[in-house]
Amino acid sequence: MVLLTFPEDTNYVASHASALKAHKQSLKNREHNRQFRARLRNALKSIRAAISGNDLPAARSALKDTISLIDRMASKGIIHRNAAGRYKSRLTTRIAKSKAA
């Protein structure tokens, strides 16, 4: 039996190949999900900045891309589908209110 070691995280209990592989996959998936969540936070921040700066055309175009990102994240299970709906609803409501005002 070959014991593999990973420099990223040496505090694991895995002692067989399948557990080591699962651990390596979990590290990879965690980083991938962190990148998706960071993209979502940045997209939400840019839309909110555009709304507060009264730049509605930019906010609307960013909203389309952000809704696509939110739906993709919900379909992959990175965020809950109710959370995705909540994000989309609140963003569209804020844009509609700023348009009316």
N, C-alpha and C. Protein backbone atom coordinates (compact mmCIF):
# COMPACT_ATOMS: atom_id res chain seq x y z
N MET A 1 0.85 -1.17 0.00
CA MET A 1 0.00 0.00 0.00
C MET A 1 0.90 1.24 0.00
N VAL A 2 0.55 2.18 -0.87
CA VAL A 2 1.31 3.42 -0.98
C VAL A 2 0.57 4.51 -0.25
N LEU A 3 1.25 5.18 0.66
CA LEU A 3 0.64 6.27 1.41
C LEU A 3 0.97 7.58 0.72
N LEU A 4 -0.05 8.26 0.23
CA LEU A 4 0.14 9.53 -0.46
C LEU A 4 0.03 10.67 0.54
N THR A 5 0.80 11.69 0.34
CA THR A 5 0.69 12.86 1.20
C THR A 5 0.41 14.08 0.34
N PHE A 6 -0.35 14.99 0.90
CA PHE A 6 -0.71 16.22 0.21
C PHE A 6 -0.20 17.39 1.03
N PRO A 7 0.56 18.29 0.44
CA PRO A 7 1.12 19.40 1.20
C PRO A 7 0.08 20.41 1.67
N GLU A 8 -1.13 20.44 1.05
CA GLU A 8 -2.14 21.42 1.40
C GLU A 8 -2.62 21.23 2.84
N ASP A 9 -2.82 19.97 3.23
CA ASP A 9 -3.43 19.71 4.52
C ASP A 9 -2.86 18.39 5.04
N THR A 10 -2.04 18.44 6.06
CA THR A 10 -1.44 17.22 6.56
C THR A 10 -2.15 16.68 7.78
N ASN A 11 -3.22 17.32 8.24
CA ASN A 11 -3.96 16.86 9.42
C ASN A 11 -5.21 16.09 8.99
N TYR A 12 -5.02 14.93 8.43
CA TYR A 12 -6.16 14.10 8.06
C TYR A 12 -5.93 12.69 8.57
N VAL A 13 -7.01 11.94 8.59
CA VAL A 13 -6.96 10.62 9.19
C VAL A 13 -6.96 9.53 8.12
N ALA A 14 -7.00 9.93 6.85
CA ALA A 14 -7.11 8.96 5.77
C ALA A 14 -5.94 7.99 5.79
N SER A 15 -6.25 6.70 5.63
CA SER A 15 -5.19 5.71 5.66
C SER A 15 -5.26 4.74 4.47
N HIS A 16 -6.20 4.97 3.56
CA HIS A 16 -6.25 4.14 2.37
C HIS A 16 -6.52 5.01 1.16
N ALA A 17 -6.27 4.45 0.00
CA ALA A 17 -6.24 5.23 -1.23
C ALA A 17 -7.56 5.93 -1.53
N SER A 18 -8.68 5.27 -1.31
CA SER A 18 -9.96 5.89 -1.65
C SER A 18 -10.26 7.07 -0.73
N ALA A 19 -9.88 6.95 0.54
CA ALA A 19 -10.08 8.06 1.48
C ALA A 19 -9.17 9.23 1.13
N LEU A 20 -7.94 8.92 0.71
CA LEU A 20 -7.03 9.99 0.29
C LEU A 20 -7.56 10.70 -0.94
N LYS A 21 -8.11 9.92 -1.87
CA LYS A 21 -8.68 10.52 -3.08
C LYS A 21 -9.89 11.38 -2.74
N ALA A 22 -10.74 10.90 -1.86
CA ALA A 22 -11.91 11.67 -1.45
C ALA A 22 -11.49 12.97 -0.77
N HIS A 23 -10.44 12.90 0.03
CA HIS A 23 -9.95 14.10 0.71
C HIS A 23 -9.42 15.12 -0.31
N LYS A 24 -8.67 14.62 -1.28
CA LYS A 24 -8.13 15.49 -2.33
C LYS A 24 -9.26 16.14 -3.13
N GLN A 25 -10.31 15.35 -3.43
CA GLN A 25 -11.45 15.89 -4.17
C GLN A 25 -12.19 16.94 -3.34
N SER A 26 -12.29 16.71 -2.03
CA SER A 26 -13.00 17.68 -1.20
C SER A 26 -12.25 19.00 -1.15
N LEU A 27 -10.94 18.96 -1.12
CA LEU A 27 -10.15 20.20 -1.14
C LEU A 27 -10.36 20.96 -2.45
N LYS A 28 -10.38 20.20 -3.55
CA LYS A 28 -10.57 20.82 -4.86
C LYS A 28 -11.97 21.44 -4.97
N ASN A 29 -12.98 20.69 -4.51
CA ASN A 29 -14.35 21.20 -4.58
C ASN A 29 -14.55 22.40 -3.68
N ARG A 30 -13.91 22.39 -2.50
CA ARG A 30 -14.04 23.52 -1.58
C ARG A 30 -13.48 24.79 -2.21
N GLU A 31 -12.34 24.67 -2.86
CA GLU A 31 -11.74 25.85 -3.51
C GLU A 31 -12.61 26.34 -4.66
N HIS A 32 -13.17 25.41 -5.43
CA HIS A 32 -14.04 25.77 -6.54
C HIS A 32 -15.28 26.51 -6.04
N ASN A 33 -15.89 26.00 -4.96
CA ASN A 33 -17.07 26.65 -4.39
C ASN A 33 -16.73 28.01 -3.80
N ARG A 34 -15.54 28.15 -3.19
CA ARG A 34 -15.12 29.45 -2.65
C ARG A 34 -14.99 30.48 -3.77
N GLN A 35 -14.47 30.06 -4.92
CA GLN A 35 -14.34 30.98 -6.05
C GLN A 35 -15.70 31.41 -6.57
N PHE A 36 -16.65 30.48 -6.63
CA PHE A 36 -18.01 30.83 -7.06
C PHE A 36 -18.65 31.83 -6.10
N ARG A 37 -18.52 31.59 -4.79
CA ARG A 37 -19.11 32.50 -3.82
C ARG A 37 -18.46 33.87 -3.87
N ALA A 38 -17.17 33.92 -4.12
CA ALA A 38 -16.49 35.21 -4.25
C ALA A 38 -17.00 35.96 -5.48
N ARG A 39 -17.20 35.24 -6.58
CA ARG A 39 -17.75 35.88 -7.78
C ARG A 39 -19.15 36.43 -7.52
N LEU A 40 -19.95 35.67 -6.78
CA LEU A 40 -21.30 36.13 -6.46
C LEU A 40 -21.25 37.38 -5.60
N ARG A 41 -20.42 37.39 -4.56
CA ARG A 41 -20.32 38.57 -3.70
C ARG A 41 -19.87 39.80 -4.49
N ASN A 42 -18.90 39.62 -5.38
CA ASN A 42 -18.43 40.75 -6.19
C ASN A 42 -19.52 41.25 -7.14
N ALA A 43 -20.27 40.33 -7.72
CA ALA A 43 -21.35 40.72 -8.64
C ALA A 43 -22.45 41.48 -7.89
N LEU A 44 -22.81 40.99 -6.70
CA LEU A 44 -23.84 41.67 -5.91
C LEU A 44 -23.36 43.06 -5.50
N LYS A 45 -22.09 43.17 -5.13
CA LYS A 45 -21.53 44.45 -4.72
C LYS A 45 -21.54 45.45 -5.88
N SER A 46 -21.22 44.99 -7.09
CA SER A 46 -21.19 45.90 -8.24
C SER A 46 -22.60 46.37 -8.60
N ILE A 47 -23.60 45.48 -8.50
CA ILE A 47 -24.98 45.89 -8.80
C ILE A 47 -25.46 46.89 -7.76
N ARG A 48 -25.19 46.62 -6.48
CA ARG A 48 -25.62 47.55 -5.44
C ARG A 48 -24.95 48.91 -5.59
N ALA A 49 -23.69 48.92 -6.01
CA ALA A 49 -22.98 50.18 -6.23
C ALA A 49 -23.59 50.94 -7.41
N ALA A 50 -23.96 50.20 -8.46
CA ALA A 50 -24.57 50.84 -9.63
C ALA A 50 -25.94 51.42 -9.28
N ILE A 51 -26.70 50.72 -8.45
CA ILE A 51 -28.02 51.21 -8.04
C ILE A 51 -27.87 52.46 -7.18
N SER A 52 -26.95 52.41 -6.23
CA SER A 52 -26.78 53.58 -5.36
C SER A 52 -26.18 54.76 -6.11
N GLY A 53 -25.47 54.49 -7.20
CA GLY A 53 -24.91 55.56 -8.02
C GLY A 53 -25.85 56.02 -9.13
N ASN A 54 -27.10 55.54 -9.11
CA ASN A 54 -28.11 55.88 -10.10
C ASN A 54 -27.67 55.56 -11.53
N ASP A 55 -26.93 54.50 -11.70
CA ASP A 55 -26.50 54.04 -13.03
C ASP A 55 -27.35 52.83 -13.41
N LEU A 56 -28.62 53.09 -13.74
CA LEU A 56 -29.57 52.00 -13.98
C LEU A 56 -29.25 51.13 -15.20
N PRO A 57 -28.78 51.70 -16.32
CA PRO A 57 -28.44 50.80 -17.44
C PRO A 57 -27.34 49.80 -17.07
N ALA A 58 -26.34 50.24 -16.34
CA ALA A 58 -25.28 49.32 -15.91
C ALA A 58 -25.82 48.29 -14.94
N ALA A 59 -26.71 48.72 -14.06
CA ALA A 59 -27.29 47.80 -13.08
C ALA A 59 -28.13 46.74 -13.78
N ARG A 60 -28.88 47.13 -14.78
CA ARG A 60 -29.72 46.16 -15.49
C ARG A 60 -28.88 45.15 -16.26
N SER A 61 -27.81 45.63 -16.92
CA SER A 61 -26.97 44.69 -17.66
C SER A 61 -26.22 43.76 -16.71
N ALA A 62 -25.78 44.28 -15.57
CA ALA A 62 -25.11 43.43 -14.58
C ALA A 62 -26.10 42.45 -13.95
N LEU A 63 -27.35 42.86 -13.84
CA LEU A 63 -28.36 41.98 -13.25
C LEU A 63 -28.55 40.72 -14.09
N LYS A 64 -28.54 40.86 -15.40
CA LYS A 64 -28.71 39.70 -16.27
C LYS A 64 -27.59 38.68 -16.05
N ASP A 65 -26.35 39.16 -15.99
CA ASP A 65 -25.22 38.25 -15.77
C ASP A 65 -25.27 37.65 -14.37
N THR A 66 -25.66 38.45 -13.39
CA THR A 66 -25.70 37.97 -12.02
C THR A 66 -26.79 36.94 -11.82
N ILE A 67 -27.93 37.13 -12.44
CA ILE A 67 -29.01 36.13 -12.34
C ILE A 67 -28.56 34.81 -12.95
N SER A 68 -27.84 34.88 -14.05
CA SER A 68 -27.30 33.66 -14.66
C SER A 68 -26.34 32.96 -13.71
N LEU A 69 -25.47 33.74 -13.06
CA LEU A 69 -24.53 33.17 -12.10
C LEU A 69 -25.25 32.55 -10.91
N ILE A 70 -26.27 33.25 -10.41
CA ILE A 70 -27.04 32.74 -9.27
C ILE A 70 -27.73 31.43 -9.63
N ASP A 71 -28.34 31.37 -10.80
CA ASP A 71 -29.01 30.14 -11.22
C ASP A 71 -28.03 28.99 -11.38
N ARG A 72 -26.85 29.28 -11.92
CA ARG A 72 -25.84 28.25 -12.09
C ARG A 72 -25.39 27.71 -10.72
N MET A 73 -25.21 28.61 -9.77
CA MET A 73 -24.78 28.19 -8.44
C MET A 73 -25.86 27.35 -7.75
N ALA A 74 -27.11 27.74 -7.93
CA ALA A 74 -28.20 26.98 -7.31
C ALA A 74 -28.32 25.60 -7.93
N SER A 75 -28.13 25.50 -9.24
CA SER A 75 -28.25 24.20 -9.90
C SER A 75 -27.12 23.26 -9.49
N LYS A 76 -25.95 23.81 -9.15
CA LYS A 76 -24.83 22.99 -8.71
C LYS A 76 -24.86 22.71 -7.22
N GLY A 77 -25.78 23.36 -6.49
CA GLY A 77 -25.89 23.11 -5.07
C GLY A 77 -24.94 23.93 -4.23
N ILE A 78 -24.32 24.95 -4.81
CA ILE A 78 -23.41 25.79 -4.05
C ILE A 78 -24.19 26.69 -3.11
N ILE A 79 -25.33 27.19 -3.59
CA ILE A 79 -26.25 27.92 -2.72
C ILE A 79 -27.62 27.24 -2.81
N HIS A 80 -28.44 27.43 -1.81
CA HIS A 80 -29.76 26.82 -1.77
C HIS A 80 -30.66 27.52 -2.79
N ARG A 81 -31.62 26.79 -3.34
CA ARG A 81 -32.48 27.37 -4.38
C ARG A 81 -33.35 28.49 -3.82
N ASN A 82 -33.75 28.41 -2.56
CA ASN A 82 -34.52 29.50 -1.96
C ASN A 82 -33.65 30.74 -1.79
N ALA A 83 -32.40 30.54 -1.44
CA ALA A 83 -31.47 31.68 -1.32
C ALA A 83 -31.28 32.32 -2.69
N ALA A 84 -31.20 31.51 -3.72
CA ALA A 84 -31.05 32.03 -5.08
C ALA A 84 -32.26 32.89 -5.46
N GLY A 85 -33.45 32.38 -5.16
CA GLY A 85 -34.66 33.15 -5.46
C GLY A 85 -34.71 34.45 -4.67
N ARG A 86 -34.26 34.39 -3.43
CA ARG A 86 -34.25 35.58 -2.59
C ARG A 86 -33.29 36.64 -3.14
N TYR A 87 -32.10 36.22 -3.56
CA TYR A 87 -31.15 37.16 -4.15
C TYR A 87 -31.74 37.83 -5.39
N LYS A 88 -32.31 37.01 -6.28
CA LYS A 88 -32.86 37.55 -7.53
C LYS A 88 -34.02 38.50 -7.26
N SER A 89 -34.90 38.12 -6.34
CA SER A 89 -36.06 38.94 -6.04
C SER A 89 -35.65 40.29 -5.46
N ARG A 90 -34.73 40.26 -4.51
CA ARG A 90 -34.32 41.51 -3.87
C ARG A 90 -33.60 42.43 -4.83
N LEU A 91 -32.80 41.86 -5.73
CA LEU A 91 -32.09 42.71 -6.70
C LEU A 91 -33.06 43.36 -7.68
N THR A 92 -33.99 42.56 -8.22
CA THR A 92 -34.94 43.13 -9.17
C THR A 92 -35.84 44.16 -8.51
N THR A 93 -36.21 43.92 -7.24
CA THR A 93 -37.04 44.89 -6.51
C THR A 93 -36.29 46.19 -6.31
N ARG A 94 -35.01 46.11 -5.95
CA ARG A 94 -34.22 47.33 -5.74
C ARG A 94 -34.07 48.12 -7.03
N ILE A 95 -33.87 47.42 -8.14
CA ILE A 95 -33.74 48.13 -9.43
C ILE A 95 -35.07 48.76 -9.80
N ALA A 96 -36.19 48.06 -9.58
CA ALA A 96 -37.50 48.61 -9.91
C ALA A 96 -37.79 49.83 -9.04
N LYS A 97 -37.46 49.78 -7.75
CA LYS A 97 -37.71 50.93 -6.87
C LYS A 97 -36.87 52.13 -7.26
N SER A 98 -35.61 51.90 -7.61
CA SER A 98 -34.76 53.02 -8.00
C SER A 98 -35.21 53.60 -9.33
N LYS A 99 -35.79 52.77 -10.19
CA LYS A 99 -36.31 53.26 -11.47
C LYS A 99 -37.54 54.13 -11.23
N ALA A 100 -38.39 53.74 -10.28
CA ALA A 100 -39.61 54.49 -10.00
C ALA A 100 -39.30 55.82 -9.29
N ALA A 101 -38.23 55.83 -8.52
CA ALA A 101 -37.89 57.05 -7.76
C ALA A 101 -37.16 58.06 -8.59
